[in-house]
Amino acid sequence: MRASKWECGQEVHVSGAERIVDEAAVPKVSQQLITRAQNHSKGKPTFINIKVEGIEEKCIQYIQALPTNMIAVDTYQDGLKIMAKQLSALPGFSSELAGYLVDVLAKTGNMRGAIMYDIATHSRLEPDHERGIRLSNMDYENTTVVDEGKNHYKEALVLASKALSADGVIAEICISDDPEYQIGYIATADAYCRITKVKPYGSNLGGRILVVDSRLADMEACQHYLEHQVVIVKEG
């Protein structure tokens, strides 16, 4: 599902979600996703698109969810500092590079996809810098159960787990663009670390950066995996 609205002649992203479910659950899930789009904190959409695709079970890849932890902070400024500190501790990072990427993330506008930043060349790799890389074709285990509304934690854990399972991806940092949701995260191969505040309450700003190393994998294959490989994430 993708929902958007028009503001001052420009299309603004409102909501996006996907589920991998049994065929019998498609009508119910479709209606739930429409209801979710119509009741979003970013306002009423003027466009809602529902797309249904069939999947061959043999093409599904099952992966384990990343271990999870949480760091509590008093202010969003503290949260961004924690994010930068954890990023700078990774191989190949300096405090300057980590600070730069967190600053870019904090100023990201209404971008539908993710920035793909290569630490080998210090450049952005996504073909369209306005849209970014769209991570897709993923869900959490037990597809016969349908959550009411949006489960920020589970949906982000699924996305982070898929992202870090891709060859060449070494980290992901994320800020939700939902105005009421202040929790952000940094994901590495070791953990999905949630930070309680990474932006002011009520802010529409948000986005994600996939940090990659083109010396470790073919980046076209990495992008194809992120966008097209069907993945189910198992918890526990």
Protein backbone atom coordinates (compact mmCIF):
# COMPACT_ATOMS: atom_id res chain seq x y z
CA MET A 1 0.00 0.00 0.00
CA ARG A 2 1.17 3.50 -0.82
CA ALA A 3 -0.69 6.66 0.14
CA SER A 4 0.09 10.28 -0.64
CA LYS A 5 -1.50 13.71 -0.79
CA TRP A 6 -1.05 16.91 -2.75
CA GLU A 7 0.25 20.02 -1.01
CA CYS A 8 0.98 23.21 -2.95
CA GLY A 9 1.21 21.30 -6.22
CA GLN A 10 3.57 18.63 -4.87
CA GLU A 11 2.94 14.99 -4.00
CA VAL A 12 3.74 14.31 -0.33
CA HIS A 13 4.19 10.78 1.01
CA VAL A 14 1.71 9.87 3.77
CA SER A 15 1.98 6.15 4.38
CA GLY A 16 3.42 2.96 2.99
CA ALA A 17 3.20 -0.66 4.11
CA GLU A 18 3.27 -4.20 2.83
CA ARG A 19 2.36 -7.64 4.12
CA ILE A 20 3.06 -11.18 2.96
CA VAL A 21 -0.04 -13.22 3.73
CA ASP A 22 -1.92 -16.31 2.66
CA GLU A 23 -4.21 -15.81 -0.33
CA ALA A 24 -7.34 -16.07 1.81
CA ALA A 25 -6.22 -13.10 3.94
CA VAL A 26 -5.71 -10.69 1.01
CA PRO A 27 -9.17 -8.97 1.17
CA LYS A 28 -8.97 -8.44 4.93
CA VAL A 29 -5.40 -7.16 4.85
CA SER A 30 -6.12 -4.86 1.91
CA GLN A 31 -9.00 -3.26 3.80
CA GLN A 32 -6.85 -2.86 6.92
CA LEU A 33 -4.09 -1.16 4.95
CA ILE A 34 -6.61 1.24 3.38
CA THR A 35 -8.01 2.06 6.83
CA ARG A 36 -4.47 2.61 8.11
CA ALA A 37 -3.75 5.05 5.28
CA GLN A 38 -6.99 6.94 5.88
CA ASN A 39 -6.21 7.45 9.56
CA HIS A 40 -2.59 8.51 9.46
CA SER A 41 -1.18 11.25 11.68
CA LYS A 42 0.21 13.00 8.58
CA GLY A 43 -3.30 13.66 7.34
CA LYS A 44 -5.83 12.34 4.86
CA PRO A 45 -4.36 10.99 1.63
CA THR A 46 -5.75 11.97 -1.74
CA PHE A 47 -4.24 8.88 -3.40
CA ILE A 48 -4.12 5.29 -2.12
CA ASN A 49 -2.64 2.51 -4.22
CA ILE A 50 -3.11 -1.16 -3.31
CA LYS A 51 -0.95 -3.62 -5.25
CA VAL A 52 -1.30 -7.40 -4.92
CA GLU A 53 1.40 -9.73 -6.23
CA GLY A 54 1.62 -13.52 -6.13
CA ILE A 55 4.73 -15.11 -4.60
CA GLU A 56 6.12 -18.60 -5.14
CA GLU A 57 6.83 -20.13 -1.74
CA LYS A 58 10.08 -21.63 -2.99
CA CYS A 59 11.39 -18.10 -3.65
CA ILE A 60 10.99 -16.94 -0.05
CA GLN A 61 14.15 -16.54 2.01
CA TYR A 62 13.84 -16.94 5.79
CA ILE A 63 16.22 -15.02 8.05
CA GLN A 64 16.60 -14.48 11.78
CA ALA A 65 15.63 -11.14 13.33
CA LEU A 66 18.47 -9.04 14.69
CA PRO A 67 18.92 -9.00 18.48
CA THR A 68 17.24 -5.92 19.95
CA ASN A 69 18.21 -3.42 22.64
CA MET A 70 17.12 0.08 23.61
CA ILE A 71 18.91 3.18 24.85
CA ALA A 72 16.89 5.80 26.75
CA VAL A 73 17.82 9.47 26.34
CA ASP A 74 16.37 12.72 27.68
CA THR A 75 16.48 14.77 24.48
CA TYR A 76 16.55 14.09 20.76
CA GLN A 77 19.92 15.90 20.57
CA ASP A 78 21.32 13.29 22.97
CA GLY A 79 19.77 10.55 20.83
CA LEU A 80 21.47 11.80 17.67
CA LYS A 81 24.80 11.94 19.53
CA ILE A 82 24.36 8.32 20.63
CA MET A 83 23.58 7.31 17.06
CA ALA A 84 26.72 9.04 15.78
CA LYS A 85 28.86 7.51 18.54
CA GLN A 86 27.70 3.98 17.73
CA LEU A 87 28.23 4.57 14.02
CA SER A 88 31.75 5.91 14.59
CA ALA A 89 32.70 2.72 16.47
CA LEU A 90 32.27 0.63 13.30
CA PRO A 91 35.31 -0.33 11.19
CA GLY A 92 36.08 2.21 8.49
CA PHE A 93 34.35 5.10 10.26
CA SER A 94 35.65 8.33 11.70
CA SER A 95 33.74 10.54 14.11
CA GLU A 96 33.54 13.12 11.32
CA LEU A 97 31.93 10.70 8.86
CA ALA A 98 29.50 9.42 11.48
CA GLY A 99 28.52 12.97 12.43
CA TYR A 100 28.05 13.90 8.78
CA LEU A 101 25.73 10.95 8.07
CA VAL A 102 23.62 11.53 11.18
CA ASP A 103 23.33 15.22 10.25
CA VAL A 104 22.19 14.26 6.72
CA LEU A 105 19.65 11.85 8.20
CA ALA A 106 18.27 14.43 10.64
CA LYS A 107 17.67 16.88 7.79
CA THR A 108 16.14 14.40 5.35
CA GLY A 109 12.76 15.50 4.05
CA ASN A 110 9.80 13.46 2.82
CA MET A 111 11.90 10.86 0.98
CA ARG A 112 10.11 7.63 0.01
CA GLY A 113 13.20 5.43 -0.06
CA ALA A 114 16.60 5.20 1.57
CA ILE A 115 19.91 6.92 0.90
CA MET A 116 22.60 4.38 -0.03
CA TYR A 117 25.97 5.73 1.10
CA ASP A 118 29.20 3.98 0.12
CA ILE A 119 32.07 4.42 2.62
CA ALA A 120 34.56 3.14 0.03
CA THR A 121 33.92 5.99 -2.40
CA HIS A 122 32.23 8.45 -0.02
CA SER A 123 29.34 8.85 -2.42
CA ARG A 124 25.63 8.15 -2.69
CA LEU A 125 24.80 5.19 -4.90
CA GLU A 126 21.03 5.38 -5.28
CA PRO A 127 20.18 6.10 -8.95
CA ASP A 128 17.47 8.62 -8.02
CA HIS A 129 18.47 10.89 -5.13
CA GLU A 130 14.93 12.20 -4.78
CA ARG A 131 13.32 8.77 -4.32
CA GLY A 132 16.15 6.67 -2.92
CA ILE A 133 16.35 2.87 -2.67
CA ARG A 134 12.99 1.30 -1.83
CA LEU A 135 13.37 -1.69 0.51
CA SER A 136 10.51 -4.03 -0.23
CA ASN A 137 9.19 -7.62 -0.33
CA MET A 138 9.48 -8.46 3.38
CA ASP A 139 7.36 -9.29 6.41
CA TYR A 140 7.63 -10.91 9.81
CA GLU A 141 6.89 -14.54 10.53
CA ASN A 142 3.37 -15.92 11.05
CA THR A 143 1.67 -14.35 8.06
CA THR A 144 -1.78 -15.62 9.04
CA VAL A 145 -1.87 -13.09 11.89
CA VAL A 146 -2.82 -9.56 10.87
CA ASP A 147 -1.92 -6.65 13.14
CA GLU A 148 -4.41 -3.86 13.57
CA GLY A 149 -2.81 -0.53 12.73
CA LYS A 150 0.93 0.03 12.53
CA ASN A 151 3.45 -1.82 14.65
CA HIS A 152 6.46 0.49 14.45
CA TYR A 153 8.75 -1.88 16.31
CA LYS A 154 8.04 -5.00 14.25
CA GLU A 155 8.01 -3.25 10.90
CA ALA A 156 11.32 -1.51 11.59
CA LEU A 157 12.90 -4.71 12.91
CA VAL A 158 11.90 -6.54 9.73
CA LEU A 159 13.35 -3.81 7.54
CA ALA A 160 16.59 -3.58 9.53
CA SER A 161 17.02 -7.36 9.61
CA LYS A 162 16.59 -7.63 5.84
CA ALA A 163 18.90 -4.67 5.21
CA LEU A 164 21.72 -6.12 7.31
CA SER A 165 21.34 -9.55 5.70
CA ALA A 166 22.33 -8.05 2.33
CA ASP A 167 25.94 -8.48 1.23
CA GLY A 168 27.77 -5.16 1.45
CA VAL A 169 25.45 -3.45 3.95
CA ILE A 170 27.28 -2.64 7.18
CA ALA A 171 24.80 -0.37 8.97
CA GLU A 172 21.44 1.34 8.75
CA ILE A 173 20.31 4.46 10.59
CA CYS A 174 16.69 5.53 10.63
CA ILE A 175 14.33 8.24 11.84
CA SER A 176 10.58 7.67 11.37
CA ASP A 177 8.70 10.39 9.49
CA ASP A 178 5.57 9.79 11.61
CA PRO A 179 5.14 13.03 13.61
CA GLU A 180 4.26 11.34 16.91
CA TYR A 181 7.00 8.68 16.80
CA GLN A 182 10.32 9.85 18.21
CA ILE A 183 12.12 6.50 18.41
CA GLY A 184 14.88 5.90 15.89
CA TYR A 185 17.48 3.20 15.49
CA ILE A 186 20.90 2.14 14.32
CA ALA A 187 21.20 -1.41 13.02
CA THR A 188 24.43 -3.34 12.53
CA ALA A 189 25.21 -7.01 12.02
CA ASP A 190 25.25 -7.36 15.83
CA ALA A 191 22.06 -5.60 16.90
CA TYR A 192 19.02 -3.49 16.18
CA CYS A 193 19.49 -0.66 18.68
CA ARG A 194 16.50 1.57 19.35
CA ILE A 195 16.99 5.09 20.72
CA THR A 196 14.02 6.62 22.52
CA LYS A 197 14.29 10.13 21.03
CA VAL A 198 15.95 11.18 17.78
CA LYS A 199 13.72 14.05 16.65
CA PRO A 200 11.34 16.65 18.12
CA TYR A 201 7.79 15.51 18.80
CA GLY A 202 5.50 16.51 15.91
CA SER A 203 8.26 16.71 13.29
CA ASN A 204 7.51 15.29 9.83
CA LEU A 205 11.21 14.88 9.06
CA GLY A 206 12.49 11.35 8.74
CA GLY A 207 14.39 8.96 6.56
CA ARG A 208 16.94 6.18 6.48
CA ILE A 209 20.51 5.72 5.33
CA LEU A 210 21.94 2.38 4.28
CA VAL A 211 25.69 2.43 4.81
CA VAL A 212 27.42 0.10 2.36
CA ASP A 213 30.95 -0.84 1.37
CA SER A 214 31.37 -1.48 -2.35
CA ARG A 215 34.63 -3.31 -1.67
CA LEU A 216 32.65 -6.11 -0.01
CA ALA A 217 29.96 -6.85 -2.59
CA ASP A 218 28.53 -5.97 -5.98
CA MET A 219 26.30 -2.97 -5.36
CA GLU A 220 23.85 -3.72 -8.18
CA ALA A 221 23.27 -7.17 -6.69
CA CYS A 222 22.91 -5.60 -3.24
CA GLN A 223 20.28 -3.16 -4.48
CA HIS A 224 18.41 -5.92 -6.29
CA TYR A 225 18.31 -8.01 -3.10
CA LEU A 226 17.03 -5.08 -1.02
CA GLU A 227 14.27 -4.25 -3.47
CA HIS A 228 13.20 -7.64 -4.85
CA GLN A 229 14.24 -10.62 -2.71
CA VAL A 230 11.22 -11.90 -0.76
CA VAL A 231 12.20 -12.25 2.91
CA ILE A 232 10.36 -13.52 5.98
CA VAL A 233 11.95 -12.51 9.29
CA LYS A 234 11.75 -14.99 12.15
CA GLU A 235 11.77 -13.75 15.76
CA GLY A 236 13.10 -15.64 18.77
